[in-house]
Amino acid sequence: MHTWTICEGWVNCWTVTDEHGDEQLSRYQTIETAQAEIDELFEDIESEIESGERAPDEGYDRDDYRIFDTVNGE
């Protein structure tokens, strides 16, 4: 999964923390799993906006996220 960044363009900056506290890049077994992760992010942001934890203009643009298939280079 890639996120659009101003300085580096498209990069994988999604990470998970392992049992030793080390961060590793997130990898997804299927496109559907990666898409579900993006969808969950936007659902969480919407909930935070609705609850007042986040201002309405503190969301993100879905166009700044894409799923990149490292096996097929797509």
N, C-alpha and C. Protein backbone atom coordinates (compact mmCIF):
# COMPACT_ATOMS: atom_id res chain seq x y z
N MET A 1 0.85 -1.15 0.00
CA MET A 1 0.00 0.00 0.00
C MET A 1 0.90 1.23 0.00
N HIS A 2 0.56 2.21 -0.78
CA HIS A 2 1.34 3.43 -0.89
C HIS A 2 0.51 4.64 -0.46
N THR A 3 1.22 5.63 0.05
CA THR A 3 0.65 6.92 0.40
C THR A 3 1.40 7.98 -0.39
N TRP A 4 0.67 8.96 -0.93
CA TRP A 4 1.31 10.04 -1.67
C TRP A 4 1.92 11.02 -0.68
N THR A 5 3.21 11.31 -0.84
CA THR A 5 3.89 12.29 -0.01
C THR A 5 4.47 13.38 -0.90
N ILE A 6 4.50 14.58 -0.38
CA ILE A 6 5.00 15.71 -1.17
C ILE A 6 6.48 15.56 -1.49
N CYS A 7 7.27 15.11 -0.53
CA CYS A 7 8.72 15.04 -0.72
C CYS A 7 9.19 13.81 -1.48
N GLU A 8 8.51 12.67 -1.30
CA GLU A 8 9.01 11.43 -1.88
C GLU A 8 8.09 10.80 -2.93
N GLY A 9 6.94 11.39 -3.19
CA GLY A 9 6.00 10.77 -4.11
C GLY A 9 5.30 9.60 -3.44
N TRP A 10 5.04 8.53 -4.19
CA TRP A 10 4.36 7.35 -3.64
C TRP A 10 5.34 6.51 -2.84
N VAL A 11 5.03 6.27 -1.57
CA VAL A 11 5.87 5.43 -0.71
C VAL A 11 4.99 4.56 0.18
N ASN A 12 5.55 3.42 0.58
CA ASN A 12 4.88 2.60 1.58
C ASN A 12 5.35 3.08 2.93
N CYS A 13 4.50 3.78 3.65
CA CYS A 13 4.86 4.29 4.98
C CYS A 13 3.95 3.69 6.05
N TRP A 14 3.19 2.65 5.70
CA TRP A 14 2.34 1.95 6.66
C TRP A 14 3.20 0.92 7.38
N THR A 15 3.17 0.94 8.70
CA THR A 15 4.00 0.01 9.45
C THR A 15 3.19 -0.74 10.51
N VAL A 16 3.78 -1.84 10.94
CA VAL A 16 3.27 -2.61 12.08
C VAL A 16 4.44 -2.77 13.05
N THR A 17 4.11 -2.91 14.32
CA THR A 17 5.14 -3.10 15.34
C THR A 17 5.12 -4.56 15.76
N ASP A 18 6.29 -5.22 15.71
CA ASP A 18 6.34 -6.63 16.09
C ASP A 18 6.46 -6.79 17.59
N GLU A 19 6.55 -8.03 18.04
CA GLU A 19 6.58 -8.33 19.48
C GLU A 19 7.81 -7.78 20.19
N HIS A 20 8.84 -7.38 19.43
CA HIS A 20 10.06 -6.82 20.02
C HIS A 20 10.06 -5.29 20.01
N GLY A 21 8.97 -4.70 19.51
CA GLY A 21 8.86 -3.25 19.44
C GLY A 21 9.47 -2.65 18.19
N ASP A 22 9.87 -3.50 17.24
CA ASP A 22 10.46 -3.02 16.00
C ASP A 22 9.38 -2.78 14.96
N GLU A 23 9.49 -1.68 14.23
CA GLU A 23 8.53 -1.38 13.17
C GLU A 23 8.98 -2.02 11.87
N GLN A 24 8.01 -2.57 11.15
CA GLN A 24 8.26 -3.15 9.84
C GLN A 24 7.18 -2.65 8.89
N LEU A 25 7.51 -2.58 7.61
CA LEU A 25 6.51 -2.15 6.63
C LEU A 25 5.37 -3.15 6.59
N SER A 26 4.17 -2.63 6.47
CA SER A 26 2.98 -3.48 6.35
C SER A 26 2.95 -4.11 4.97
N ARG A 27 2.59 -5.37 4.94
CA ARG A 27 2.39 -6.11 3.70
C ARG A 27 1.05 -6.82 3.81
N TYR A 28 0.32 -6.90 2.72
CA TYR A 28 -1.01 -7.49 2.73
C TYR A 28 -1.04 -8.65 1.75
N GLN A 29 -1.73 -9.70 2.12
CA GLN A 29 -1.80 -10.90 1.29
C GLN A 29 -2.69 -10.72 0.07
N THR A 30 -3.69 -9.86 0.20
CA THR A 30 -4.61 -9.66 -0.92
C THR A 30 -4.91 -8.17 -1.09
N ILE A 31 -5.37 -7.84 -2.27
CA ILE A 31 -5.80 -6.46 -2.55
C ILE A 31 -6.98 -6.11 -1.66
N GLU A 32 -7.86 -7.08 -1.44
CA GLU A 32 -9.05 -6.84 -0.62
C GLU A 32 -8.67 -6.50 0.83
N THR A 33 -7.65 -7.17 1.35
CA THR A 33 -7.20 -6.89 2.71
C THR A 33 -6.61 -5.49 2.81
N ALA A 34 -5.82 -5.11 1.82
CA ALA A 34 -5.24 -3.76 1.79
C ALA A 34 -6.35 -2.71 1.67
N GLN A 35 -7.33 -2.97 0.82
CA GLN A 35 -8.43 -2.02 0.65
C GLN A 35 -9.21 -1.88 1.95
N ALA A 36 -9.41 -2.99 2.66
CA ALA A 36 -10.13 -2.94 3.94
C ALA A 36 -9.38 -2.07 4.94
N GLU A 37 -8.06 -2.10 4.91
CA GLU A 37 -7.25 -1.27 5.81
C GLU A 37 -7.44 0.21 5.49
N ILE A 38 -7.45 0.55 4.21
CA ILE A 38 -7.70 1.94 3.80
C ILE A 38 -9.10 2.36 4.22
N ASP A 39 -10.09 1.49 3.97
CA ASP A 39 -11.47 1.81 4.33
C ASP A 39 -11.60 2.04 5.84
N GLU A 40 -10.92 1.21 6.63
CA GLU A 40 -10.97 1.37 8.09
C GLU A 40 -10.37 2.70 8.53
N LEU A 41 -9.28 3.09 7.89
CA LEU A 41 -8.66 4.39 8.20
C LEU A 41 -9.67 5.51 8.00
N PHE A 42 -10.36 5.50 6.86
CA PHE A 42 -11.31 6.58 6.57
C PHE A 42 -12.54 6.51 7.45
N GLU A 43 -12.95 5.32 7.85
CA GLU A 43 -14.06 5.18 8.79
C GLU A 43 -13.67 5.77 10.15
N ASP A 44 -12.44 5.49 10.59
CA ASP A 44 -11.96 6.04 11.86
C ASP A 44 -11.89 7.56 11.82
N ILE A 45 -11.39 8.09 10.71
CA ILE A 45 -11.31 9.55 10.57
C ILE A 45 -12.70 10.17 10.61
N GLU A 46 -13.65 9.58 9.90
CA GLU A 46 -15.02 10.10 9.88
C GLU A 46 -15.62 10.07 11.28
N SER A 47 -15.38 9.00 12.02
CA SER A 47 -15.88 8.91 13.39
C SER A 47 -15.28 9.99 14.28
N GLU A 48 -13.99 10.23 14.10
CA GLU A 48 -13.32 11.27 14.90
C GLU A 48 -13.85 12.65 14.56
N ILE A 49 -14.16 12.90 13.31
CA ILE A 49 -14.74 14.18 12.91
C ILE A 49 -16.13 14.32 13.51
N GLU A 50 -16.93 13.26 13.42
CA GLU A 50 -18.29 13.30 13.96
C GLU A 50 -18.30 13.49 15.47
N SER A 51 -17.31 12.92 16.18
CA SER A 51 -17.27 13.03 17.64
C SER A 51 -16.61 14.33 18.12
N GLY A 52 -16.00 15.08 17.20
CA GLY A 52 -15.35 16.33 17.57
C GLY A 52 -13.88 16.16 17.94
N GLU A 53 -13.35 14.95 17.88
CA GLU A 53 -11.93 14.72 18.17
C GLU A 53 -11.04 15.33 17.09
N ARG A 54 -11.61 15.49 15.92
CA ARG A 54 -10.87 15.98 14.76
C ARG A 54 -11.75 17.01 14.06
N ALA A 55 -11.15 18.09 13.60
CA ALA A 55 -11.90 19.12 12.88
C ALA A 55 -12.28 18.60 11.49
N PRO A 56 -13.37 19.09 10.93
CA PRO A 56 -13.80 18.62 9.60
C PRO A 56 -12.75 18.76 8.51
N ASP A 57 -11.86 19.74 8.65
CA ASP A 57 -10.82 19.93 7.63
C ASP A 57 -9.54 19.16 7.95
N GLU A 58 -9.59 18.26 8.92
CA GLU A 58 -8.41 17.47 9.30
C GLU A 58 -8.51 16.03 8.79
N GLY A 59 -9.22 15.83 7.70
CA GLY A 59 -9.31 14.52 7.09
C GLY A 59 -8.22 14.32 6.06
N TYR A 60 -8.34 13.26 5.29
CA TYR A 60 -7.38 12.97 4.24
C TYR A 60 -8.13 12.74 2.94
N ASP A 61 -7.41 12.76 1.85
CA ASP A 61 -7.98 12.53 0.53
C ASP A 61 -7.72 11.08 0.12
N ARG A 62 -8.77 10.36 -0.23
CA ARG A 62 -8.61 8.95 -0.65
C ARG A 62 -7.67 8.82 -1.85
N ASP A 63 -7.57 9.86 -2.67
CA ASP A 63 -6.68 9.80 -3.83
C ASP A 63 -5.21 9.76 -3.44
N ASP A 64 -4.91 10.02 -2.16
CA ASP A 64 -3.53 9.98 -1.69
C ASP A 64 -3.12 8.59 -1.22
N TYR A 65 -3.96 7.59 -1.45
CA TYR A 65 -3.69 6.21 -1.05
C TYR A 65 -3.93 5.30 -2.23
N ARG A 66 -3.03 4.34 -2.39
CA ARG A 66 -3.22 3.36 -3.46
C ARG A 66 -2.66 2.02 -3.01
N ILE A 67 -3.13 0.99 -3.65
CA ILE A 67 -2.65 -0.35 -3.38
C ILE A 67 -1.64 -0.67 -4.49
N PHE A 68 -0.46 -1.10 -4.07
CA PHE A 68 0.61 -1.40 -5.01
C PHE A 68 0.96 -2.87 -4.89
N ASP A 69 0.87 -3.58 -5.98
CA ASP A 69 1.16 -5.00 -6.02
C ASP A 69 2.66 -5.16 -6.27
N THR A 70 3.41 -5.53 -5.22
CA THR A 70 4.86 -5.65 -5.35
C THR A 70 5.28 -6.84 -6.21
N VAL A 71 4.41 -7.82 -6.35
CA VAL A 71 4.72 -8.99 -7.16
C VAL A 71 4.62 -8.64 -8.65
N ASN A 72 3.55 -7.96 -9.02
CA ASN A 72 3.31 -7.63 -10.42
C ASN A 72 3.70 -6.21 -10.79
N GLY A 73 4.13 -5.42 -9.80
CA GLY A 73 4.55 -4.05 -10.07
C GLY A 73 3.43 -3.12 -10.49
N GLU A 74 2.24 -3.36 -9.95
CA GLU A 74 1.09 -2.53 -10.32
C GLU A 74 0.55 -1.81 -9.11
